[in-house]
């Protein structure tokens, strides 16, 4: 750590600076329209209008995800600290990879949408981080960040440009992808001693309280996450409204199912911290579609149900039978609800066989590339 980590971190930052110097530049404003005193919005106007949504997403990345993983009694520093490290590297690398991919290797401009997309790419790594928390070093996380964002960018390009599939809130390309990538890495890093759990894999009162801070930040700002890249107007409006009600319905369902499946009806904090967010994940893909609020509430309710049952039944099964130890249960918060979101979008679209096929292909691509990428990344020890 004393030598390798500083050298790797500094080397990566130097590489980022050089690459930004070669390929990144400011976004030019439409000054002519200002000179003509027209009411036509400029690029800077668009930047200012979308900046509040970017701020919300930024808070989710650095505060929400960081504090959500502080439930472990001995990994609070790692949860928040390594989260910051990953995010800082990820947003730079994500900007470059996505920009170069869409600009076909030429210089590209930085705008508010590019900044939001960079945060989105970082979110995939932070989701995967939850599956390997406590089992990886900072050096391994730097390597994982570089590899995962590269694979994410390739899949995102495939889904958006080749399949032309709709995934506004990124249930498939971020949540399902990040979860299954992390699970694949966790499967490679599995140790037999984790079959029956680990003595450090426990929470205490104050660690669960800190984790709830992350939950509340994520819950409050999730409508911004799902609407940040939606088309302005009706699409963005629907994305906010549908996410808002999906999350609300998810909370009641998650609480109810948690009480139903636990001893004497006692609520489980792990369910409250995570399953209550599943509605935001599940409604993401079809958030901007004209599905009506009650459909969004049904999607949120299903997500809450699936997430709690995942924690109750699937997590132990994965650890003992599939030999995949999922520290934070990202499969239940991001993986399963992401799949639910992909399936919901297929049903919601249902306007033509080709369109449905492309949505299904996008879901399959996100899970498939995540698993392959995660297995390969897990070998880079």
Protein backbone atom coordinates (compact mmCIF):
# COMPACT_ATOMS: atom_id res chain seq x y z
CA UNK A 1 0.00 0.00 0.00
CA UNK A 2 2.69 2.50 0.92
CA UNK A 3 4.38 2.33 -2.47
CA UNK A 4 2.09 0.66 -5.01
CA UNK A 5 -1.11 2.56 -4.19
CA UNK A 6 0.39 6.10 -4.30
CA UNK A 7 2.22 5.30 -7.54
CA UNK A 8 -0.92 3.87 -9.14
CA UNK A 9 -3.15 6.75 -7.98
CA UNK A 10 -0.71 9.44 -9.13
CA UNK A 11 -0.03 7.59 -12.40
CA UNK A 12 -3.73 7.36 -13.15
CA UNK A 13 -4.28 11.04 -12.41
CA UNK A 14 -1.37 12.06 -14.64
CA UNK A 15 -2.85 9.91 -17.40
CA UNK A 16 -6.26 11.59 -16.92
CA UNK A 17 -4.70 15.05 -17.16
CA UNK A 18 -2.86 14.18 -20.36
CA UNK A 19 -5.95 12.63 -21.95
CA UNK A 20 -8.09 15.63 -20.99
CA UNK A 21 -5.47 17.91 -22.53
CA UNK A 22 -5.61 15.93 -25.76
CA UNK A 23 -9.34 15.31 -26.14
CA UNK A 24 -11.52 17.54 -23.90
CA UNK A 25 -12.55 21.16 -24.39
CA UNK A 26 -15.21 23.61 -23.23
CA UNK A 27 -18.62 23.55 -24.82
CA UNK A 28 -18.97 26.59 -27.11
CA UNK A 29 -21.91 28.91 -26.46
CA UNK A 30 -24.28 30.07 -29.17
CA UNK A 31 -23.22 33.70 -28.90
CA UNK A 32 -24.85 34.68 -32.21
CA UNK A 33 -28.33 34.20 -30.77
CA UNK A 34 -27.41 36.45 -27.86
CA UNK A 35 -26.05 39.11 -30.20
CA UNK A 36 -29.31 39.04 -32.15
CA UNK A 37 -31.27 39.35 -28.86
CA UNK A 38 -33.37 36.32 -29.69
CA UNK A 39 -35.18 34.17 -27.14
CA UNK A 40 -33.55 31.01 -28.47
CA UNK A 41 -31.93 29.17 -25.52
CA UNK A 42 -28.14 28.89 -25.58
CA UNK A 43 -26.07 25.92 -24.49
CA UNK A 44 -25.13 27.82 -21.34
CA UNK A 45 -28.81 28.34 -20.58
CA UNK A 46 -29.32 24.60 -20.89
CA UNK A 47 -26.35 24.03 -18.60
CA UNK A 48 -27.82 26.25 -15.89
CA UNK A 49 -31.27 24.66 -16.22
CA UNK A 50 -29.95 21.11 -15.82
CA UNK A 51 -27.37 21.91 -13.15
CA UNK A 52 -29.81 21.37 -10.23
CA UNK A 53 -30.48 17.83 -11.51
CA UNK A 54 -26.75 17.26 -11.81
CA UNK A 55 -26.31 18.41 -8.21
CA UNK A 56 -28.94 15.92 -7.05
CA UNK A 57 -27.23 13.07 -8.89
CA UNK A 58 -23.87 14.20 -7.49
CA UNK A 59 -25.24 14.07 -3.94
CA UNK A 60 -26.51 10.53 -4.58
CA UNK A 61 -23.08 9.44 -5.82
CA UNK A 62 -20.95 10.93 -3.06
CA UNK A 63 -23.29 10.98 -0.06
CA UNK A 64 -26.07 8.49 -0.78
CA UNK A 65 -24.01 5.54 -1.97
CA UNK A 66 -21.21 6.28 0.50
CA UNK A 67 -23.34 6.33 3.63
CA UNK A 68 -25.63 3.50 2.48
CA UNK A 69 -22.72 1.08 2.89
CA UNK A 70 -21.70 2.21 6.38
CA UNK A 71 -23.90 -0.41 8.03
CA UNK A 72 -20.91 -2.69 8.63
CA UNK A 73 -19.50 -1.99 12.11
CA UNK A 74 -15.83 -2.08 11.03
CA UNK A 75 -15.98 -0.78 7.47
CA UNK A 76 -17.47 2.69 7.86
CA UNK A 77 -14.22 4.40 6.87
CA UNK A 78 -13.84 2.12 3.86
CA UNK A 79 -17.44 2.64 2.79
CA UNK A 80 -17.32 6.43 2.69
CA UNK A 81 -13.60 6.82 1.99
CA UNK A 82 -13.19 4.34 -0.87
CA UNK A 83 -16.53 5.51 -2.27
CA UNK A 84 -15.00 9.00 -2.66
CA UNK A 85 -11.84 7.54 -4.24
CA UNK A 86 -13.80 5.47 -6.76
CA UNK A 87 -16.15 8.32 -7.63
CA UNK A 88 -13.33 10.83 -8.16
CA UNK A 89 -11.50 8.51 -10.55
CA UNK A 90 -14.70 7.22 -12.15
CA UNK A 91 -16.14 10.58 -13.14
CA UNK A 92 -12.88 11.51 -14.91
CA UNK A 93 -12.48 8.17 -16.66
CA UNK A 94 -16.19 7.97 -17.49
CA UNK A 95 -16.06 11.42 -19.10
CA UNK A 96 -13.19 10.32 -21.32
CA UNK A 97 -14.44 6.88 -22.31
CA UNK A 98 -18.02 7.97 -23.06
CA UNK A 99 -16.84 11.13 -24.83
CA UNK A 100 -14.32 9.36 -27.03
CA UNK A 101 -16.75 6.56 -27.84
CA UNK A 102 -19.51 8.88 -29.01
CA UNK A 103 -17.08 11.33 -30.69
CA UNK A 104 -15.44 8.45 -32.56
CA UNK A 105 -12.03 9.14 -31.01
CA UNK A 106 -11.94 12.88 -31.76
CA UNK A 107 -11.96 15.89 -29.44
CA UNK A 108 -15.26 16.45 -27.67
CA UNK A 109 -16.95 19.20 -25.65
CA UNK A 110 -17.90 19.03 -21.99
CA UNK A 111 -21.50 19.97 -21.23
CA UNK A 112 -23.89 19.28 -18.38
CA UNK A 113 -25.18 16.08 -20.00
CA UNK A 114 -21.62 14.75 -20.27
CA UNK A 115 -21.11 15.48 -16.57
CA UNK A 116 -24.34 13.67 -15.67
CA UNK A 117 -23.37 10.69 -17.85
CA UNK A 118 -19.97 10.55 -16.15
CA UNK A 119 -21.70 10.36 -12.76
CA UNK A 120 -23.91 7.60 -14.12
CA UNK A 121 -20.89 5.58 -15.22
CA UNK A 122 -19.44 6.03 -11.73
CA UNK A 123 -22.67 4.72 -10.20
CA UNK A 124 -22.12 1.32 -11.83
CA UNK A 125 -18.80 0.88 -10.03
CA UNK A 126 -20.25 2.03 -6.71
CA UNK A 127 -23.04 -0.53 -7.06
CA UNK A 128 -20.47 -3.26 -7.78
CA UNK A 129 -18.39 -2.01 -4.83
CA UNK A 130 -21.25 -2.99 -2.55
CA UNK A 131 -20.87 -6.64 -3.55
CA UNK A 132 -17.14 -6.76 -2.80
CA UNK A 133 -16.98 -4.38 0.19
CA UNK A 134 -14.57 -5.71 2.80
CA UNK A 135 -12.94 -8.13 0.36
CA UNK A 136 -10.91 -5.77 -1.86
CA UNK A 137 -8.07 -3.29 -1.41
CA UNK A 138 -8.00 0.30 -2.71
CA UNK A 139 -5.56 -0.84 -5.40
CA UNK A 140 -7.99 -3.50 -6.60
CA UNK A 141 -10.81 -0.96 -6.61
CA UNK A 142 -8.82 1.40 -8.84
CA UNK A 143 -8.27 -1.44 -11.31
CA UNK A 144 -11.92 -2.44 -11.11
CA UNK A 145 -13.04 1.15 -11.75
CA UNK A 146 -10.97 1.44 -14.93
CA UNK A 147 -12.09 -1.94 -16.31
CA UNK A 148 -15.76 -1.72 -15.35
CA UNK A 149 -16.37 1.75 -16.76
CA UNK A 150 -14.78 0.67 -20.05
CA UNK A 151 -17.13 -2.32 -20.25
CA UNK A 152 -20.07 -0.17 -19.13
CA UNK A 153 -19.39 2.36 -21.88
CA UNK A 154 -19.30 -0.38 -24.52
CA UNK A 155 -22.61 -1.84 -23.32
CA UNK A 156 -24.21 1.61 -23.04
CA UNK A 157 -23.18 2.36 -26.62
CA UNK A 158 -24.59 -0.99 -27.74
CA UNK A 159 -27.91 -0.41 -25.98
CA UNK A 160 -28.36 3.23 -27.03
CA UNK A 161 -26.82 3.31 -30.52
CA UNK A 162 -27.22 -0.23 -31.87
CA UNK A 163 -30.37 -1.53 -30.17
CA UNK A 164 -31.84 2.01 -29.86
CA UNK A 165 -33.53 0.81 -26.68
CA UNK A 166 -35.16 3.11 -24.12
CA UNK A 167 -33.53 3.15 -20.67
CA UNK A 168 -33.94 6.69 -19.33
CA UNK A 169 -33.47 5.82 -15.65
CA UNK A 170 -30.89 3.13 -16.54
CA UNK A 171 -32.49 0.19 -14.72
CA UNK A 172 -30.68 -2.11 -17.14
CA UNK A 173 -27.48 -0.30 -18.13
CA UNK A 174 -26.55 0.96 -14.65
CA UNK A 175 -28.37 -0.98 -11.94
CA UNK A 176 -28.62 -4.47 -13.40
CA UNK A 177 -25.20 -4.08 -15.04
CA UNK A 178 -23.50 -2.84 -11.87
CA UNK A 179 -25.09 -5.53 -9.71
CA UNK A 180 -24.21 -8.49 -11.92
CA UNK A 181 -20.72 -7.15 -12.64
CA UNK A 182 -20.12 -6.94 -8.89
CA UNK A 183 -21.57 -10.39 -8.28
CA UNK A 184 -19.30 -11.86 -10.95
CA UNK A 185 -16.26 -10.28 -9.29
CA UNK A 186 -17.46 -11.46 -5.86
CA UNK A 187 -17.83 -14.98 -7.25
CA UNK A 188 -14.20 -14.98 -8.38
CA UNK A 189 -13.02 -13.61 -5.02
CA UNK A 190 -15.13 -16.06 -3.00
CA UNK A 191 -13.48 -17.77 -0.02
CA UNK A 192 -14.89 -20.87 1.62
CA UNK A 193 -14.80 -19.15 5.01
CA UNK A 194 -17.57 -16.80 3.87
CA UNK A 195 -20.07 -19.66 3.50
CA UNK A 196 -21.30 -19.22 7.06
CA UNK A 197 -20.76 -15.47 7.16
CA UNK A 198 -18.00 -13.49 8.87
CA UNK A 199 -17.76 -12.02 12.36
CA UNK A 200 -17.13 -8.55 10.91
CA UNK A 201 -20.22 -8.80 8.74
CA UNK A 202 -22.44 -7.27 11.39
CA UNK A 203 -23.97 -3.92 12.15
CA UNK A 204 -24.34 -1.98 15.37
CA UNK A 205 -26.85 0.68 16.34
CA UNK A 206 -24.86 3.71 15.19
CA UNK A 207 -23.67 2.08 11.95
CA UNK A 208 -27.27 1.36 10.93
CA UNK A 209 -28.20 4.97 11.71
CA UNK A 210 -25.43 6.22 9.41
CA UNK A 211 -26.61 3.85 6.68
CA UNK A 212 -30.10 5.34 6.94
CA UNK A 213 -28.61 8.74 6.08
CA UNK A 214 -27.54 7.26 2.75
CA UNK A 215 -30.96 5.72 2.25
CA UNK A 216 -32.78 9.01 2.83
CA UNK A 217 -30.51 10.97 0.50
CA UNK A 218 -30.96 8.38 -2.25
CA UNK A 219 -34.72 8.17 -1.70
CA UNK A 220 -35.21 11.93 -1.86
CA UNK A 221 -33.05 12.53 -4.94
CA UNK A 222 -33.99 9.45 -6.99
CA UNK A 223 -36.56 11.31 -9.14
CA UNK A 224 -33.69 13.54 -10.31
CA UNK A 225 -31.57 10.49 -11.16
CA UNK A 226 -34.32 9.00 -13.34
CA UNK A 227 -35.18 12.28 -15.06
CA UNK A 228 -31.73 13.84 -15.51
CA UNK A 229 -31.24 12.71 -19.11
CA UNK A 230 -34.90 12.53 -20.12
CA UNK A 231 -36.08 14.83 -22.88
CA UNK A 232 -37.20 18.20 -21.42
CA UNK A 233 -40.93 18.65 -21.21
CA UNK A 234 -43.44 15.82 -20.92
CA UNK A 235 -40.81 13.08 -20.74
CA UNK A 236 -38.95 14.69 -17.85
CA UNK A 237 -42.21 15.49 -16.08
CA UNK A 238 -43.39 11.88 -16.34
CA UNK A 239 -40.01 10.56 -15.17
CA UNK A 240 -40.21 12.64 -12.00
CA UNK A 241 -43.86 11.84 -11.23
CA UNK A 242 -43.58 8.11 -11.95
CA UNK A 243 -40.43 7.75 -9.83
CA UNK A 244 -41.98 9.78 -7.02
CA UNK A 245 -44.99 7.49 -6.68
CA UNK A 246 -43.08 4.28 -7.38
CA UNK A 247 -40.78 5.02 -4.44
CA UNK A 248 -43.70 5.84 -2.16
CA UNK A 249 -45.50 2.59 -2.99
CA UNK A 250 -42.27 0.65 -2.61
CA UNK A 251 -41.78 1.86 0.96
CA UNK A 252 -45.14 0.60 2.21
CA UNK A 253 -44.74 -2.74 0.46
CA UNK A 254 -41.17 -3.21 1.73
CA UNK A 255 -42.20 -2.46 5.32
CA UNK A 256 -45.19 -4.80 5.09
CA UNK A 257 -43.24 -7.72 3.59
CA UNK A 258 -40.34 -7.19 6.01
CA UNK A 259 -42.72 -7.48 8.95
CA UNK A 260 -44.37 -10.52 7.38
CA UNK A 261 -41.19 -12.56 6.87
CA UNK A 262 -39.33 -11.80 10.11
CA UNK A 263 -39.71 -13.28 13.58
CA UNK A 264 -42.59 -11.69 15.52
CA UNK A 265 -43.07 -9.13 12.78
CA UNK A 266 -39.97 -7.14 13.73
CA UNK A 267 -38.77 -4.84 10.96
CA UNK A 268 -35.28 -5.61 9.59
CA UNK A 269 -33.03 -2.58 9.14
CA UNK A 270 -31.37 -4.10 6.08
CA UNK A 271 -34.79 -4.17 4.40
CA UNK A 272 -35.58 -0.60 5.40
CA UNK A 273 -32.19 0.68 4.22
CA UNK A 274 -32.28 -1.02 0.84
CA UNK A 275 -35.61 -2.47 -0.28
CA UNK A 276 -37.32 0.92 0.15
CA UNK A 277 -35.17 2.20 -2.74
CA UNK A 278 -35.96 -0.64 -5.13
CA UNK A 279 -38.94 1.23 -6.58
CA UNK A 280 -36.63 3.91 -7.96
CA UNK A 281 -34.49 1.27 -9.64
CA UNK A 282 -37.37 -0.73 -11.11
CA UNK A 283 -39.30 2.18 -12.62
CA UNK A 284 -36.17 3.71 -14.17
CA UNK A 285 -36.33 2.18 -17.64
CA UNK A 286 -39.93 3.20 -18.29
CA UNK A 287 -39.95 6.27 -16.01
CA UNK A 288 -40.49 8.73 -18.88
CA UNK A 289 -43.08 6.59 -20.66
CA UNK A 290 -46.81 7.29 -20.57
CA UNK A 291 -47.62 4.48 -18.14
CA UNK A 292 -49.78 6.46 -15.67
CA UNK A 293 -48.89 6.85 -11.95
CA UNK A 294 -50.82 3.78 -10.81
CA UNK A 295 -48.68 1.55 -13.05
CA UNK A 296 -45.56 3.15 -11.56
CA UNK A 297 -46.95 2.34 -8.11
CA UNK A 298 -47.50 -1.29 -9.12
CA UNK A 299 -43.91 -1.50 -10.39
CA UNK A 300 -42.65 0.02 -7.13
CA UNK A 301 -44.70 -2.41 -5.05
CA UNK A 302 -43.39 -5.41 -7.00
CA UNK A 303 -39.84 -4.12 -6.59
CA UNK A 304 -40.25 -3.77 -2.81
CA UNK A 305 -41.65 -7.30 -2.58
CA UNK A 306 -38.91 -8.82 -4.74
CA UNK A 307 -36.15 -6.95 -2.89
CA UNK A 308 -37.19 -8.05 0.60
CA UNK A 309 -37.67 -11.66 -0.49
CA UNK A 310 -34.27 -11.48 -2.15
CA UNK A 311 -32.63 -10.52 1.14
CA UNK A 312 -34.57 -13.20 2.99
CA UNK A 313 -34.12 -16.11 0.57
CA UNK A 314 -31.67 -15.43 -2.26
CA UNK A 315 -28.76 -13.91 -0.32
CA UNK A 316 -28.21 -17.01 1.87
CA UNK A 317 -28.69 -19.26 -1.18
CA UNK A 318 -26.09 -17.35 -3.19
CA UNK A 319 -23.56 -17.51 -0.36
CA UNK A 320 -23.97 -21.21 0.47
CA UNK A 321 -24.86 -22.76 -2.88
CA UNK A 322 -23.67 -20.45 -5.67
CA UNK A 323 -20.53 -19.41 -3.74
CA UNK A 324 -21.18 -15.71 -4.29
CA UNK A 325 -20.87 -13.53 -1.20
CA UNK A 326 -22.79 -10.28 -1.74
CA UNK A 327 -21.75 -8.00 1.15
CA UNK A 328 -24.36 -5.26 0.73
CA UNK A 329 -27.02 -7.26 -1.09
CA UNK A 330 -26.69 -5.31 -4.35
CA UNK A 331 -28.45 -8.15 -6.14
CA UNK A 332 -31.59 -7.41 -4.14
CA UNK A 333 -31.46 -3.61 -4.42
CA UNK A 334 -30.09 -3.19 -7.95
CA UNK A 335 -29.96 -6.54 -9.76
CA UNK A 336 -33.45 -7.97 -9.29
CA UNK A 337 -35.26 -4.58 -9.45
CA UNK A 338 -33.18 -3.75 -12.53
CA UNK A 339 -34.45 -6.91 -14.19
CA UNK A 340 -37.99 -6.03 -13.09
CA UNK A 341 -37.50 -2.61 -14.68
CA UNK A 342 -36.28 -4.13 -17.94
CA UNK A 343 -39.24 -6.51 -18.07
CA UNK A 344 -41.67 -3.69 -17.21
CA UNK A 345 -40.33 -1.62 -20.11
CA UNK A 346 -40.86 -4.52 -22.51
CA UNK A 347 -44.49 -4.74 -21.44
CA UNK A 348 -44.91 -0.94 -21.45
CA UNK A 349 -43.53 -0.50 -24.94
CA UNK A 350 -45.38 -3.41 -26.58
CA UNK A 351 -45.93 -1.51 -29.82
CA UNK A 352 -44.01 -3.68 -32.25
CA UNK A 353 -42.07 -6.91 -32.26
CA UNK A 354 -38.81 -5.21 -33.27
CA UNK A 355 -39.04 -2.65 -30.46
CA UNK A 356 -39.80 -5.29 -27.87
CA UNK A 357 -36.94 -7.39 -29.19
CA UNK A 358 -34.53 -4.46 -28.82
CA UNK A 359 -35.62 -3.86 -25.21
CA UNK A 360 -35.12 -7.55 -24.46
CA UNK A 361 -31.74 -7.45 -26.21
CA UNK A 362 -30.74 -4.44 -24.11
CA UNK A 363 -31.59 -6.28 -20.89
CA UNK A 364 -29.73 -9.41 -22.02
CA UNK A 365 -26.74 -7.36 -23.14
CA UNK A 366 -26.50 -5.48 -19.83
CA UNK A 367 -26.56 -8.66 -17.75
CA UNK A 368 -24.36 -10.66 -20.14
CA UNK A 369 -21.60 -8.07 -20.53
CA UNK A 370 -21.65 -7.40 -16.79
CA UNK A 371 -21.14 -11.08 -15.92
CA UNK A 372 -18.36 -11.59 -18.47
CA UNK A 373 -16.68 -8.29 -17.58
CA UNK A 374 -16.93 -9.04 -13.87
CA UNK A 375 -15.46 -12.52 -14.22
CA UNK A 376 -12.52 -11.15 -16.22
CA UNK A 377 -12.02 -8.25 -13.78
CA UNK A 378 -12.11 -10.61 -10.80
CA UNK A 379 -9.09 -12.42 -12.21
CA UNK A 380 -6.98 -9.23 -12.14
CA UNK A 381 -5.62 -9.77 -8.66
